Amino acid sequence: MEIRSFGDSLFVMHADAILIWFGPYLGNGLVHMIGSHTLRIVEGLAGK
């Protein structure tokens, strides 16, 4: 993707900075949600 204007390049730079800052929190929440769901499935299969 080619960016030809300074304004567009600043927009992309800020969007990337926000994603870099927010990404680990989003990933951690997703992993926690999947892990708790998997735990409920395993407990259901074990009959607890």
N, C-alpha and C. Protein backbone atom coordinates (compact mmCIF):
# COMPACT_ATOMS: atom_id res chain seq x y z
N MET A 1 0.85 -1.17 0.00
CA MET A 1 0.00 0.00 0.00
C MET A 1 0.89 1.23 0.00
N GLU A 2 0.65 2.11 -0.92
CA GLU A 2 1.48 3.30 -1.04
C GLU A 2 0.73 4.50 -0.46
N ILE A 3 1.41 5.24 0.38
CA ILE A 3 0.83 6.45 0.97
C ILE A 3 1.57 7.64 0.38
N ARG A 4 0.82 8.54 -0.24
CA ARG A 4 1.45 9.63 -0.97
C ARG A 4 1.37 10.98 -0.29
N SER A 5 0.59 11.12 0.77
CA SER A 5 0.47 12.44 1.39
C SER A 5 0.93 12.37 2.85
N PHE A 6 1.36 13.50 3.34
CA PHE A 6 1.86 13.59 4.70
C PHE A 6 0.75 13.36 5.71
N GLY A 7 -0.45 13.86 5.43
CA GLY A 7 -1.58 13.68 6.35
C GLY A 7 -1.96 12.22 6.49
N ASP A 8 -1.98 11.50 5.37
CA ASP A 8 -2.29 10.08 5.42
C ASP A 8 -1.22 9.31 6.17
N SER A 9 0.03 9.69 6.01
CA SER A 9 1.11 8.99 6.71
C SER A 9 1.01 9.22 8.21
N LEU A 10 0.63 10.42 8.63
CA LEU A 10 0.44 10.67 10.06
C LEU A 10 -0.73 9.87 10.62
N PHE A 11 -1.80 9.76 9.85
CA PHE A 11 -2.95 8.97 10.27
C PHE A 11 -2.56 7.51 10.48
N VAL A 12 -1.84 6.94 9.52
CA VAL A 12 -1.41 5.54 9.62
C VAL A 12 -0.44 5.36 10.80
N MET A 13 0.44 6.33 11.01
CA MET A 13 1.38 6.24 12.12
C MET A 13 0.65 6.23 13.46
N HIS A 14 -0.35 7.09 13.61
CA HIS A 14 -1.10 7.13 14.86
C HIS A 14 -1.95 5.88 15.05
N ALA A 15 -2.53 5.39 13.97
CA ALA A 15 -3.32 4.15 14.07
C ALA A 15 -2.43 2.99 14.49
N ASP A 16 -1.23 2.90 13.95
CA ASP A 16 -0.30 1.84 14.34
C ASP A 16 0.11 1.97 15.79
N ALA A 17 0.36 3.18 16.25
CA ALA A 17 0.74 3.38 17.65
C ALA A 17 -0.37 2.94 18.59
N ILE A 18 -1.62 3.24 18.22
CA ILE A 18 -2.75 2.82 19.06
C ILE A 18 -2.87 1.30 19.06
N LEU A 19 -2.71 0.67 17.91
CA LEU A 19 -2.80 -0.79 17.85
C LEU A 19 -1.66 -1.45 18.62
N ILE A 20 -0.46 -0.88 18.56
CA ILE A 20 0.67 -1.44 19.31
C ILE A 20 0.42 -1.32 20.81
N TRP A 21 -0.22 -0.23 21.25
CA TRP A 21 -0.49 -0.02 22.66
C TRP A 21 -1.64 -0.90 23.14
N PHE A 22 -2.68 -1.05 22.31
CA PHE A 22 -3.89 -1.75 22.70
C PHE A 22 -3.84 -3.25 22.42
N GLY A 23 -3.01 -3.68 21.50
CA GLY A 23 -2.94 -5.07 21.08
C GLY A 23 -2.69 -6.08 22.19
N PRO A 24 -1.69 -5.85 23.05
CA PRO A 24 -1.45 -6.83 24.11
C PRO A 24 -2.63 -6.97 25.08
N TYR A 25 -3.33 -5.89 25.37
CA TYR A 25 -4.49 -5.98 26.26
C TYR A 25 -5.62 -6.76 25.60
N LEU A 26 -5.82 -6.53 24.32
CA LEU A 26 -6.84 -7.25 23.58
C LEU A 26 -6.49 -8.74 23.49
N GLY A 27 -5.25 -9.04 23.20
CA GLY A 27 -4.81 -10.44 23.12
C GLY A 27 -4.91 -11.15 24.45
N ASN A 28 -4.55 -10.47 25.53
CA ASN A 28 -4.62 -11.07 26.86
C ASN A 28 -6.07 -11.37 27.23
N GLY A 29 -6.96 -10.45 26.93
CA GLY A 29 -8.37 -10.68 27.22
C GLY A 29 -8.94 -11.83 26.43
N LEU A 30 -8.55 -11.93 25.16
CA LEU A 30 -9.02 -13.02 24.31
C LEU A 30 -8.52 -14.37 24.82
N VAL A 31 -7.26 -14.44 25.19
CA VAL A 31 -6.69 -15.69 25.71
C VAL A 31 -7.37 -16.07 27.02
N HIS A 32 -7.64 -15.10 27.88
CA HIS A 32 -8.31 -15.38 29.15
C HIS A 32 -9.72 -15.91 28.90
N MET A 33 -10.44 -15.31 27.95
CA MET A 33 -11.79 -15.75 27.64
C MET A 33 -11.79 -17.18 27.08
N ILE A 34 -10.88 -17.48 26.18
CA ILE A 34 -10.80 -18.83 25.60
C ILE A 34 -10.39 -19.84 26.67
N GLY A 35 -9.46 -19.47 27.53
CA GLY A 35 -9.02 -20.39 28.59
C GLY A 35 -10.12 -20.71 29.58
N SER A 36 -10.92 -19.72 29.97
CA SER A 36 -12.00 -19.99 30.91
C SER A 36 -13.08 -20.84 30.26
N HIS A 37 -13.34 -20.62 28.98
CA HIS A 37 -14.32 -21.44 28.27
C HIS A 37 -13.83 -22.89 28.17
N THR A 38 -12.56 -23.07 27.86
CA THR A 38 -11.99 -24.41 27.78
C THR A 38 -12.05 -25.11 29.13
N LEU A 39 -11.78 -24.39 30.20
CA LEU A 39 -11.85 -24.96 31.55
C LEU A 39 -13.26 -25.43 31.86
N ARG A 40 -14.28 -24.64 31.49
CA ARG A 40 -15.66 -25.05 31.71
C ARG A 40 -16.00 -26.31 30.91
N ILE A 41 -15.50 -26.42 29.70
CA ILE A 41 -15.76 -27.61 28.89
C ILE A 41 -15.12 -28.84 29.53
N VAL A 42 -13.88 -28.71 29.98
CA VAL A 42 -13.17 -29.85 30.59
C VAL A 42 -13.86 -30.26 31.89
N GLU A 43 -14.28 -29.28 32.69
CA GLU A 43 -14.98 -29.61 33.94
C GLU A 43 -16.32 -30.29 33.64
N GLY A 44 -16.98 -29.87 32.58
CA GLY A 44 -18.23 -30.51 32.20
C GLY A 44 -18.03 -31.93 31.74
N LEU A 45 -16.96 -32.20 31.04
CA LEU A 45 -16.67 -33.56 30.59
C LEU A 45 -16.22 -34.46 31.74
N ALA A 46 -15.57 -33.85 32.74
CA ALA A 46 -15.10 -34.64 33.88
C ALA A 46 -16.23 -34.90 34.88
N GLY A 47 -17.34 -34.21 34.76
CA GLY A 47 -18.47 -34.44 35.64
C GLY A 47 -18.39 -33.72 36.96
N LYS A 48 -17.64 -32.64 37.02
CA LYS A 48 -17.50 -31.90 38.28
C LYS A 48 -18.67 -30.98 38.48
